[in-house]
Amino acid sequence: MQRFVIHLALLSCSVGQAVFGQETNLRFDPFVPTKGTAVAFTILEAGTVPAAAIAGLPLRSENTQAQIYTLSVDTQSFSRDKFQRFSFDAYVRSAHATGHDIVYKYVVSQDPTGQFLDTISPVTFRINGRAGEDTATIRLPLHSNDGSDNLSLAVPTAPLKVGLSALSSSDLGLTNALESLHVHLVDSQISSTSCSECWLSLSAKPTISVLAPKKGTSLIVSRRPDTFKALARSMFALNPAEAHDTLLISVSSLSEQGGLPTTQEFKLPIRFAPPALYLVIAVLLGAIIGGLLRSWLREKPAQPEAQGRFRYAKDLLIAVAIAVIVWIIALVLFSYTDTRVSILGFSFDPSQVIPAGLISLLVAGGPPIVTKIKEAFGN
C-alpha cells in the first residue's frame, strides 16, 4: 500500500510538470533600436531537458519581477542558420527550482528590420504558466541584417599632402562605434578611385584586430607614388582645394555575439606635393620668362646699347629676386595660415609646380604682363 502511494505521488508530480510545460508560454516584446527600425522575435518550443543538462552552460539569467520564473539564455548558442538568421537557445524554469526539476527549452530567432548599430540592450520578456504571468527584462545582442556601421575613421577633411619622392605613411584613428559590443576587424583594403597608375604601392593595416566598445586603434595607411605619373597628374591642377586623387579605404568588420560581416568605405582625398627642387626650378624659370617679357614689352630706352643691356640685366635680376621672395612669402602664408593666393581673380597653390611658376612669372612680368593678359581676356 505504501509503495502504491509513493508511485501515485511521483506520477502526480510528473503530471504537474507536464502541465506546467504545456501551459508555459514565452514571448519577447518587439524592440525598437532607432526610429523606423525594429527587432521582432520568433519562438519555437524545443521540448524539455533535465536541469543537469544546462548546469555547465554559459547562461545569462534573469528572474521575473514576482520571482515566479527564471529565464536563462545560452550565450554559447548565439549563431546564424543557413539563411543568416540570428538565433539562440533559451530555457524557462521555476525561480525556486531544484537541481532535479525539468527545464523547458525554446529556440528564439530575431527578425530585424531597418539598419541600426548592433547592440546589447534590455529586452522585455513575458512568461505565462500555471503559476500565472510574470515579466522582466534581459540583455540580448541585437543585430541588424541591413548592415551596422561598426567603425568610424578619422579622415581629414582637407586633402592630405603626399610627397612624390619616397614611401610615406599616415596614422588614421579607427574607432569602434558600438556602445556594448567588441568588433573584430576582418580585412582592410585601399585603392585609387581616379589615378591608379599614380601609385607604385598602397596598403592600409590596423595595429590590432579586436576593438573593445568605443575604443580605437591606428589604421596605418602607407603609399608610394610613381613620381613622374603623379607629377603629370598634379601639374596642371591650379585649384588649391582640388584633390589630385581620392583613395578608397574599405574596412570589413564583425561585431561579436552573432553580428553579420559588414564592409564600410571611407574616402581619403590626396594632393601630391612635388620635391623642393622641382618648385625652385619652376619659380626661377617663371621669373626669368616674366622678366624677359617685361623688358620686351616696355618702351626702348634712348641710351647707348651697352647701357641699355646693363639696365636690362639689372632689371631682370631684380625682377627674378622679387619674384622668388614673393613666392617664398606666398608659400609660407599658404602652408601655415591657410591664406589664399589670388592673382587676376584666380587662386593658386604655391606648393605646386605650374602654379609656382605662374606666380613668379606674373610677379616678375609686372604690369606689362598683367595688362596683356587682361587685354587677351577682354578686360
Protein backbone atom coordinates (compact mmCIF):
# COMPACT_ATOMS: atom_id res chain seq x y z
CA MET A 1 0.00 0.00 0.00
CA GLN A 2 2.83 2.34 0.94
CA ARG A 3 4.55 1.61 -2.37
CA PHE A 4 1.34 2.40 -4.23
CA VAL A 5 1.04 5.79 -2.50
CA ILE A 6 4.65 6.65 -3.38
CA HIS A 7 4.14 5.77 -7.05
CA LEU A 8 0.94 7.79 -7.10
CA ALA A 9 2.74 10.84 -5.65
CA LEU A 10 5.54 10.59 -8.22
CA LEU A 11 3.01 10.30 -11.03
CA SER A 12 1.18 13.34 -9.69
CA CYS A 13 4.41 15.41 -9.71
CA SER A 14 5.32 14.38 -13.25
CA VAL A 15 1.82 15.23 -14.48
CA GLY A 16 2.09 18.59 -12.76
CA GLN A 17 5.37 19.26 -14.54
CA ALA A 18 3.96 18.24 -17.89
CA VAL A 19 1.01 20.54 -17.43
CA PHE A 20 3.42 23.35 -16.48
CA GLY A 21 5.32 22.69 -19.70
CA GLN A 22 2.25 22.62 -21.86
CA GLU A 23 0.83 25.77 -20.33
CA THR A 24 4.10 27.71 -20.18
CA ASN A 25 4.42 30.34 -22.86
CA LEU A 26 7.48 32.51 -23.52
CA ARG A 27 7.46 35.65 -25.64
CA PHE A 28 9.62 38.73 -26.17
CA ASP A 29 8.25 42.19 -26.84
CA PRO A 30 9.48 43.78 -30.10
CA PHE A 31 12.44 46.07 -29.53
CA VAL A 32 12.89 49.44 -31.29
CA PRO A 33 16.62 50.34 -31.60
CA THR A 34 16.00 53.59 -33.52
CA LYS A 35 13.12 55.38 -35.20
CA GLY A 36 11.96 53.35 -38.17
CA THR A 37 13.70 50.12 -37.10
CA ALA A 38 12.56 47.15 -35.03
CA VAL A 39 13.54 43.68 -33.88
CA ALA A 40 10.78 41.07 -33.58
CA PHE A 41 11.21 37.57 -32.14
CA THR A 42 10.02 34.16 -33.28
CA ILE A 43 9.96 31.45 -30.59
CA LEU A 44 9.79 27.69 -31.15
CA GLU A 45 9.26 25.13 -28.37
CA ALA A 46 12.10 22.58 -28.26
CA GLY A 47 10.90 20.24 -25.54
CA THR A 48 12.30 19.68 -22.08
CA VAL A 49 15.76 18.96 -20.70
CA PRO A 50 16.93 17.97 -17.24
CA ALA A 51 18.37 20.75 -15.10
CA ALA A 52 21.72 18.96 -15.06
CA ALA A 53 21.96 19.36 -18.87
CA ILE A 54 22.33 23.12 -18.63
CA ALA A 55 24.39 23.24 -15.46
CA GLY A 56 27.67 23.78 -17.31
CA LEU A 57 26.40 26.21 -19.97
CA PRO A 58 27.39 29.92 -20.02
CA LEU A 59 23.95 31.20 -19.09
CA ARG A 60 22.68 34.75 -18.80
CA SER A 61 19.74 34.50 -16.38
CA GLU A 62 17.04 36.80 -15.03
CA ASN A 63 14.24 36.16 -12.58
CA THR A 64 10.82 37.61 -13.32
CA GLN A 65 9.60 40.52 -11.21
CA ALA A 66 7.45 38.40 -8.90
CA GLN A 67 10.18 35.75 -8.59
CA ILE A 68 7.98 33.12 -10.26
CA TYR A 69 10.15 32.08 -13.22
CA THR A 70 13.78 32.17 -14.33
CA LEU A 71 14.71 32.79 -17.94
CA SER A 72 18.21 31.68 -18.99
CA VAL A 73 19.86 32.43 -22.35
CA ASP A 74 22.72 30.24 -23.54
CA THR A 75 25.32 32.76 -24.78
CA GLN A 76 27.25 29.88 -26.34
CA SER A 77 24.32 29.19 -28.66
CA PHE A 78 24.40 32.59 -30.40
CA SER A 79 24.64 31.65 -34.08
CA ARG A 80 23.20 32.11 -37.55
CA ASP A 81 21.46 29.46 -39.61
CA LYS A 82 21.93 28.82 -43.32
CA PHE A 83 19.60 31.73 -44.05
CA GLN A 84 21.77 34.02 -41.87
CA ARG A 85 19.01 34.33 -39.27
CA PHE A 86 20.34 35.06 -35.79
CA SER A 87 19.05 32.68 -33.10
CA PHE A 88 19.83 31.32 -29.64
CA ASP A 89 18.58 28.83 -27.06
CA ALA A 90 16.51 29.96 -24.08
CA TYR A 91 15.41 28.00 -21.01
CA VAL A 92 12.50 28.57 -18.63
CA ARG A 93 12.21 27.02 -15.19
CA SER A 94 10.66 27.82 -11.84
CA ALA A 95 12.57 30.50 -9.93
CA HIS A 96 12.58 28.12 -6.97
CA ALA A 97 13.57 25.05 -8.93
CA THR A 98 15.89 22.40 -7.55
CA GLY A 99 18.55 20.54 -9.45
CA HIS A 100 16.10 17.75 -10.31
CA ASP A 101 13.41 19.87 -11.96
CA ILE A 102 12.57 19.77 -15.64
CA VAL A 103 13.63 22.80 -17.71
CA TYR A 104 11.73 23.95 -20.80
CA LYS A 105 13.77 24.81 -23.86
CA TYR A 106 12.97 27.29 -26.63
CA VAL A 107 14.74 28.36 -29.81
CA VAL A 108 14.47 32.12 -30.27
CA SER A 109 15.11 33.80 -33.63
CA GLN A 110 15.41 37.51 -34.36
CA ASP A 111 13.63 39.24 -37.26
CA PRO A 112 15.17 42.73 -37.56
CA THR A 113 14.01 45.41 -39.97
CA GLY A 114 15.98 48.50 -40.95
CA GLN A 115 19.60 49.48 -40.45
CA PHE A 116 20.87 50.21 -36.94
CA LEU A 117 24.02 49.77 -34.89
CA ASP A 118 24.48 46.31 -33.39
CA THR A 119 23.99 46.47 -29.64
CA ILE A 120 23.30 44.64 -26.40
CA SER A 121 20.08 46.04 -24.94
CA PRO A 122 17.48 45.07 -22.31
CA VAL A 123 14.54 43.32 -23.96
CA THR A 124 11.24 42.71 -22.18
CA PHE A 125 10.11 39.08 -21.95
CA ARG A 126 6.86 37.60 -20.63
CA ILE A 127 6.25 34.10 -19.27
CA ASN A 128 2.75 32.70 -18.74
CA GLY A 129 2.30 29.39 -16.92
CA ARG A 130 0.39 27.57 -14.21
CA ALA A 131 1.72 29.96 -11.61
CA GLY A 132 0.46 32.96 -13.57
CA GLU A 133 2.02 35.56 -15.83
CA ASP A 134 5.18 37.43 -14.95
CA THR A 135 7.61 39.68 -16.79
CA ALA A 136 11.13 41.12 -16.66
CA THR A 137 13.94 42.28 -18.97
CA ILE A 138 17.11 40.51 -20.09
CA ARG A 139 20.07 41.90 -22.01
CA LEU A 140 20.29 40.43 -25.52
CA PRO A 141 22.54 41.06 -28.52
CA LEU A 142 20.55 42.71 -31.31
CA HIS A 143 21.94 42.66 -34.85
CA SER A 144 20.85 44.44 -38.00
CA ASN A 145 20.58 42.40 -41.18
CA ASP A 146 20.87 45.58 -43.29
CA GLY A 147 24.36 46.48 -42.11
CA SER A 148 25.80 48.04 -38.98
CA ASP A 149 28.27 50.93 -39.20
CA ASN A 150 30.57 49.36 -36.64
CA LEU A 151 33.53 51.69 -37.25
CA SER A 152 34.42 55.34 -37.67
CA LEU A 153 37.62 56.55 -39.33
CA ALA A 154 39.24 59.92 -38.69
CA VAL A 155 39.70 61.07 -42.29
CA PRO A 156 40.99 64.64 -42.78
CA THR A 157 38.53 66.99 -44.44
CA ALA A 158 41.22 68.80 -46.43
CA PRO A 159 43.25 66.83 -48.99
CA LEU A 160 46.23 65.04 -47.44
CA LYS A 161 49.56 66.12 -48.89
CA VAL A 162 51.71 63.24 -50.10
CA GLY A 163 55.32 63.67 -51.18
CA LEU A 164 56.36 62.27 -54.54
CA SER A 165 59.87 61.16 -53.71
CA ALA A 166 59.54 58.26 -51.23
CA LEU A 167 57.36 55.90 -49.23
CA SER A 168 55.21 57.71 -46.65
CA SER A 169 52.52 56.75 -44.16
CA SER A 170 49.71 58.28 -42.10
CA ASP A 171 48.16 57.22 -38.82
CA LEU A 172 44.37 57.42 -39.09
CA GLY A 173 42.25 56.82 -36.00
CA LEU A 174 39.93 53.80 -36.37
CA THR A 175 37.27 53.58 -33.63
CA ASN A 176 34.66 51.02 -32.63
CA ALA A 177 31.37 52.94 -32.88
CA LEU A 178 29.38 50.35 -30.89
CA GLU A 179 28.40 51.02 -27.29
CA SER A 180 28.37 47.48 -25.93
CA LEU A 181 29.95 45.01 -28.37
CA HIS A 182 33.51 44.19 -29.37
CA VAL A 183 34.32 44.43 -33.07
CA HIS A 184 36.65 42.08 -34.95
CA LEU A 185 38.50 43.66 -37.87
CA VAL A 186 38.35 41.12 -40.69
CA ASP A 187 40.08 42.87 -43.60
CA SER A 188 41.20 46.27 -44.88
CA GLN A 189 41.84 47.32 -48.47
CA ILE A 190 42.86 50.56 -50.16
CA SER A 191 42.65 51.59 -53.82
CA SER A 192 42.75 54.65 -56.04
CA THR A 193 39.49 55.94 -57.48
CA SER A 194 40.85 58.11 -60.31
CA CYS A 195 44.59 57.59 -60.84
CA SER A 196 45.66 54.02 -60.11
CA GLU A 197 48.74 54.45 -62.32
CA CYS A 198 49.95 57.21 -59.96
CA TRP A 199 50.85 54.65 -57.29
CA LEU A 200 53.57 52.04 -57.01
CA SER A 201 52.13 50.61 -53.77
CA LEU A 202 49.22 51.17 -51.38
CA SER A 203 48.36 49.46 -48.09
CA ALA A 204 46.10 50.01 -45.05
CA LYS A 205 46.64 47.92 -41.89
CA PRO A 206 45.23 48.26 -38.35
CA THR A 207 47.60 47.81 -35.44
CA ILE A 208 45.20 45.48 -33.56
CA SER A 209 42.39 43.24 -34.79
CA VAL A 210 39.83 43.41 -31.96
CA LEU A 211 38.36 46.68 -30.67
CA ALA A 212 36.53 46.99 -27.36
CA PRO A 213 33.34 49.10 -27.28
CA LYS A 214 34.08 52.79 -28.06
CA LYS A 215 37.82 52.06 -28.17
CA GLY A 216 40.14 52.75 -31.08
CA THR A 217 43.35 51.81 -32.81
CA SER A 218 45.56 53.12 -35.60
CA LEU A 219 44.98 52.36 -39.24
CA ILE A 220 48.38 52.79 -40.86
CA VAL A 221 47.99 53.95 -44.47
CA SER A 222 51.22 53.55 -46.45
CA ARG A 223 51.74 54.70 -50.03
CA ARG A 224 54.50 55.13 -52.57
CA PRO A 225 53.63 57.31 -55.57
CA ASP A 226 55.04 56.92 -59.07
CA THR A 227 56.93 60.24 -59.14
CA PHE A 228 56.55 61.20 -62.78
CA LYS A 229 52.98 59.95 -63.28
CA ALA A 230 51.82 61.62 -60.09
CA LEU A 231 53.61 64.84 -61.08
CA ALA A 232 51.95 64.79 -64.50
CA ARG A 233 48.59 64.25 -62.79
CA SER A 234 49.03 67.21 -60.45
CA MET A 235 51.00 69.63 -62.61
CA PHE A 236 48.06 71.48 -64.18
CA ALA A 237 45.68 71.33 -61.20
CA LEU A 238 45.62 75.04 -60.30
CA ASN A 239 42.77 74.97 -57.75
CA PRO A 240 44.38 74.66 -54.27
CA ALA A 241 41.30 72.89 -52.85
CA GLU A 242 41.15 70.25 -55.60
CA ALA A 243 42.24 66.68 -54.78
CA HIS A 244 44.62 65.10 -57.27
CA ASP A 245 43.33 61.64 -56.36
CA THR A 246 40.94 60.04 -53.85
CA LEU A 247 41.89 56.83 -52.07
CA LEU A 248 39.06 54.47 -51.17
CA ILE A 249 39.65 52.66 -47.86
CA SER A 250 37.43 49.59 -47.31
CA VAL A 251 37.33 48.04 -43.83
CA SER A 252 35.43 44.80 -43.14
CA SER A 253 34.37 44.08 -39.57
CA LEU A 254 32.24 41.73 -37.50
CA SER A 255 30.54 42.52 -34.20
CA GLU A 256 30.74 39.81 -31.54
CA GLN A 257 27.90 37.51 -30.45
CA GLY A 258 26.44 36.89 -33.88
CA GLY A 259 26.93 40.03 -35.96
CA LEU A 260 26.98 39.87 -39.74
CA PRO A 261 30.16 40.77 -41.68
CA THR A 262 29.91 44.36 -42.85
CA THR A 263 32.15 46.47 -45.10
CA GLN A 264 32.45 50.24 -44.75
CA GLU A 265 34.12 52.59 -47.22
CA PHE A 266 35.95 55.80 -46.39
CA LYS A 267 37.36 58.35 -48.84
CA LEU A 268 40.78 59.94 -48.33
CA PRO A 269 41.47 62.94 -50.65
CA ILE A 270 45.11 63.30 -51.74
CA ARG A 271 47.22 66.18 -53.11
CA PHE A 272 50.65 65.35 -54.45
CA ALA A 273 53.49 67.53 -53.14
CA PRO A 274 56.39 67.83 -55.64
CA PRO A 275 60.03 67.86 -54.48
CA ALA A 276 61.50 71.23 -53.48
CA LEU A 277 63.98 71.11 -56.38
CA TYR A 278 61.14 70.98 -58.91
CA LEU A 279 59.50 74.02 -57.31
CA VAL A 280 62.73 76.04 -57.29
CA ILE A 281 63.33 75.28 -60.97
CA ALA A 282 59.74 76.26 -61.84
CA VAL A 283 60.00 79.52 -59.87
CA LEU A 284 63.32 80.54 -61.40
CA LEU A 285 62.18 79.64 -64.90
CA GLY A 286 58.91 81.53 -64.49
CA ALA A 287 60.70 84.58 -63.05
CA ILE A 288 63.22 84.67 -65.90
CA ILE A 289 60.49 84.36 -68.54
CA GLY A 290 58.41 87.04 -66.82
CA GLY A 291 61.38 89.38 -66.52
CA LEU A 292 62.32 88.95 -70.19
CA LEU A 293 58.73 89.55 -71.33
CA ARG A 294 58.55 92.65 -69.17
CA SER A 295 61.72 94.06 -70.76
CA TRP A 296 60.50 93.20 -74.24
CA LEU A 297 57.08 94.80 -73.76
CA ARG A 298 58.17 98.11 -72.30
CA GLU A 299 59.42 101.09 -74.40
CA LYS A 300 63.00 101.07 -75.71
CA PRO A 301 65.34 103.41 -73.73
CA ALA A 302 67.09 106.29 -75.52
CA GLN A 303 70.50 105.22 -74.24
CA PRO A 304 73.68 103.71 -75.71
CA GLU A 305 73.40 99.98 -76.39
CA ALA A 306 75.85 98.98 -73.63
CA GLN A 307 73.98 100.95 -71.01
CA GLY A 308 70.69 99.53 -72.25
CA ARG A 309 71.91 95.94 -71.92
CA PHE A 310 73.24 96.64 -68.44
CA ARG A 311 69.90 98.09 -67.48
CA TYR A 312 68.03 95.10 -68.89
CA ALA A 313 70.27 92.67 -66.98
CA LYS A 314 69.88 94.65 -63.77
CA ASP A 315 66.11 94.86 -64.14
CA LEU A 316 65.94 91.13 -64.89
CA LEU A 317 67.90 90.21 -61.74
CA ILE A 318 65.72 92.50 -59.63
CA ALA A 319 62.54 91.02 -61.15
CA VAL A 320 63.77 87.46 -60.53
CA ALA A 321 64.75 88.28 -56.93
CA ILE A 322 61.39 89.93 -56.20
CA ALA A 323 59.50 87.03 -57.78
CA VAL A 324 61.40 84.47 -55.67
CA ILE A 325 60.82 86.47 -52.46
CA VAL A 326 57.11 86.87 -53.23
CA TRP A 327 56.79 83.14 -53.92
CA ILE A 328 58.50 82.24 -50.65
CA ILE A 329 56.19 84.56 -48.70
CA ALA A 330 53.15 83.14 -50.51
CA LEU A 331 54.28 79.58 -49.80
CA VAL A 332 54.74 80.30 -46.07
CA LEU A 333 51.37 82.05 -45.77
CA PHE A 334 49.59 79.32 -47.73
CA SER A 335 51.20 76.46 -45.76
CA TYR A 336 50.89 77.82 -42.24
CA THR A 337 48.00 80.29 -42.22
CA ASP A 338 45.69 78.91 -44.95
CA THR A 339 45.93 82.26 -46.73
CA ARG A 340 44.63 82.17 -50.30
CA VAL A 341 46.99 83.30 -53.03
CA SER A 342 44.88 85.05 -55.69
CA ILE A 343 46.16 86.61 -58.91
CA LEU A 344 43.81 88.07 -61.54
CA GLY A 345 40.89 86.53 -59.66
CA PHE A 346 42.34 83.00 -59.69
CA SER A 347 43.51 81.09 -56.59
CA PHE A 348 46.89 79.37 -56.82
CA ASP A 349 48.68 76.77 -54.75
CA PRO A 350 52.31 77.94 -54.47
CA SER A 351 53.40 74.44 -53.42
CA GLN A 352 52.64 73.05 -56.91
CA VAL A 353 54.95 73.28 -59.93
CA ILE A 354 52.84 75.11 -62.52
CA PRO A 355 51.12 77.49 -60.06
CA ALA A 356 54.51 78.36 -58.53
CA GLY A 357 55.90 79.12 -61.99
CA LEU A 358 52.86 81.25 -62.88
CA ILE A 359 53.12 83.24 -59.66
CA SER A 360 56.78 84.08 -60.26
CA LEU A 361 56.13 84.84 -63.95
CA LEU A 362 53.35 87.31 -63.15
CA VAL A 363 55.31 88.95 -60.34
CA ALA A 364 58.46 89.30 -62.45
CA GLY A 365 56.49 90.42 -65.50
CA GLY A 366 54.69 93.13 -63.54
CA PRO A 367 52.08 95.49 -65.01
CA PRO A 368 53.01 94.93 -68.70
CA ILE A 369 52.28 91.20 -68.43
CA VAL A 370 49.12 91.75 -66.41
CA THR A 371 47.89 94.33 -68.92
CA LYS A 372 48.45 91.98 -71.84
CA ILE A 373 46.65 89.16 -70.06
CA LYS A 374 43.69 91.38 -69.29
CA GLU A 375 43.56 92.52 -72.91
CA ALA A 376 43.62 88.88 -74.02
CA PHE A 377 40.57 88.16 -71.83
CA GLY A 378 38.82 91.32 -73.00
CA ASN A 379 39.09 93.20 -69.66
